[in-house]
Protein backbone atom coordinates (compact mmCIF):
# COMPACT_ATOMS: atom_id res chain seq x y z
CA MET A 1 1.60 -1.97 -25.58
CA CYS A 2 0.44 0.83 -23.73
CA THR A 3 -2.45 -0.53 -21.85
CA ALA A 4 -0.14 -3.45 -20.36
CA ILE A 5 2.40 -0.63 -19.11
CA ALA A 6 -0.84 0.77 -17.59
CA LYS A 7 -2.05 -2.16 -16.34
CA GLU A 8 1.33 -2.82 -14.52
CA PHE A 9 1.16 0.99 -13.27
CA LEU A 10 -1.97 0.21 -11.71
CA LEU A 11 -1.40 -3.56 -9.96
CA ALA A 12 1.87 -1.52 -8.55
CA ASP A 13 -0.36 1.18 -7.18
CA ILE A 14 -2.97 -1.50 -5.64
CA ASP A 15 -0.05 -3.46 -4.20
CA ALA A 16 1.55 -0.25 -2.71
CA ILE A 17 -1.71 1.00 -1.41
CA HIS A 18 -2.17 -2.50 0.58
CA ASP A 19 0.93 -1.85 2.11
CA PHE A 20 0.09 1.16 3.57
CA LYS A 21 -3.47 -0.17 4.85
CA ARG A 22 -2.21 -3.83 6.08
CA ARG A 23 1.67 -3.68 6.45
CA LYS A 24 2.69 -0.32 8.16
CA GLY A 25 6.13 -1.50 9.09
CA PHE A 26 7.04 -2.77 5.69
CA ALA A 27 5.42 0.67 4.00
CA LEU A 28 7.31 2.76 6.55
CA THR A 29 10.58 1.09 5.53
CA ALA A 30 10.23 1.23 1.85
CA LEU A 31 9.47 4.94 2.11
CA LYS A 32 12.41 5.62 4.33
CA LYS A 33 14.64 3.66 2.15
CA TYR A 34 13.30 5.23 -1.33
CA ARG A 35 12.47 9.09 0.06
CA ARG A 36 15.91 8.86 2.20
CA ASN A 37 14.03 10.11 4.71
CA ASP A 38 14.83 9.38 8.63
CA ASP A 39 11.74 11.86 10.11
CA ARG A 40 9.41 9.17 11.58
CA LYS A 41 6.54 11.34 11.81
CA ALA A 42 7.08 12.79 8.41
CA LEU A 43 7.36 8.90 7.51
CA GLU A 44 4.14 8.32 9.51
CA ASP A 45 2.47 11.43 8.07
CA SER A 46 3.37 9.95 4.50
CA CYS A 47 2.31 6.26 5.35
CA ALA A 48 -1.06 7.56 6.83
CA ASN A 49 -2.20 9.75 4.13
CA PRO A 50 -3.02 6.91 1.34
CA ALA A 51 -3.93 4.33 3.80
CA ASN A 52 -6.76 6.74 4.55
CA LYS A 53 -7.86 8.10 1.17
CA TYR A 54 -9.10 4.62 0.09
CA LEU A 55 -11.66 2.38 1.24
CA SER A 56 -11.06 -1.23 2.25
CA PRO A 57 -12.78 -4.08 0.08
CA PRO A 58 -15.81 -4.65 1.66
CA ILE A 59 -15.55 -8.17 3.27
CA PRO A 60 -18.91 -10.55 3.50
CA ALA A 61 -20.00 -11.76 6.61
CA LEU A 62 -19.91 -15.84 7.02
CA ASP A 63 -23.32 -15.62 8.43
CA GLY A 64 -24.61 -13.62 5.53
CA ILE A 65 -22.72 -16.58 3.39
CA ARG A 66 -24.18 -19.29 5.35
CA ILE A 67 -27.75 -17.80 4.83
CA ILE A 68 -27.19 -17.81 0.90
CA LEU A 69 -25.69 -21.47 1.18
CA MET A 70 -28.76 -22.77 2.37
CA GLU A 71 -30.91 -21.18 0.53
CA ILE A 72 -29.58 -22.45 -2.53
CA SER A 73 -28.69 -25.80 -1.20
CA GLY A 74 -31.80 -27.28 -2.81
CA THR A 75 -30.67 -26.47 -6.03
CA VAL A 76 -26.88 -26.68 -5.96
CA ALA A 77 -25.79 -29.84 -4.37
CA ALA A 78 -22.14 -28.87 -3.32
CA ALA A 79 -24.02 -25.77 -1.24
CA LYS A 80 -24.88 -28.08 1.32
CA ILE A 81 -21.26 -29.39 2.37
CA ALA A 82 -19.51 -25.89 1.43
CA ASP A 83 -17.81 -24.04 4.15
CA PRO A 84 -18.85 -20.36 4.35
CA GLU A 85 -14.94 -19.52 4.77
CA GLN A 86 -13.92 -20.91 1.46
CA PHE A 87 -15.61 -17.87 -0.35
CA VAL A 88 -13.76 -15.17 1.94
CA ASN A 89 -10.26 -13.91 1.47
CA TYR A 90 -8.73 -12.27 4.09
CA ASN A 91 -5.56 -11.20 2.27
């Protein structure tokens, strides 16, 4: 039970960090609503702090994926026709 609660909390925290980093308008609207504050500068400062505190996940370069697919294409038949973009999630 406690691990499920901890997991849900962490997932919500991760979603919030994602919103602060990628959906600034949405994050500002949520902060304005739940903090009951209309001060734009204070809201932007509140939004920028968590966004800058955490690193973004690294996204592999498509050229690097293409090279790996070429290297393993001798032993993995599906690598010959694989599109490098199918291995990257930009969301």
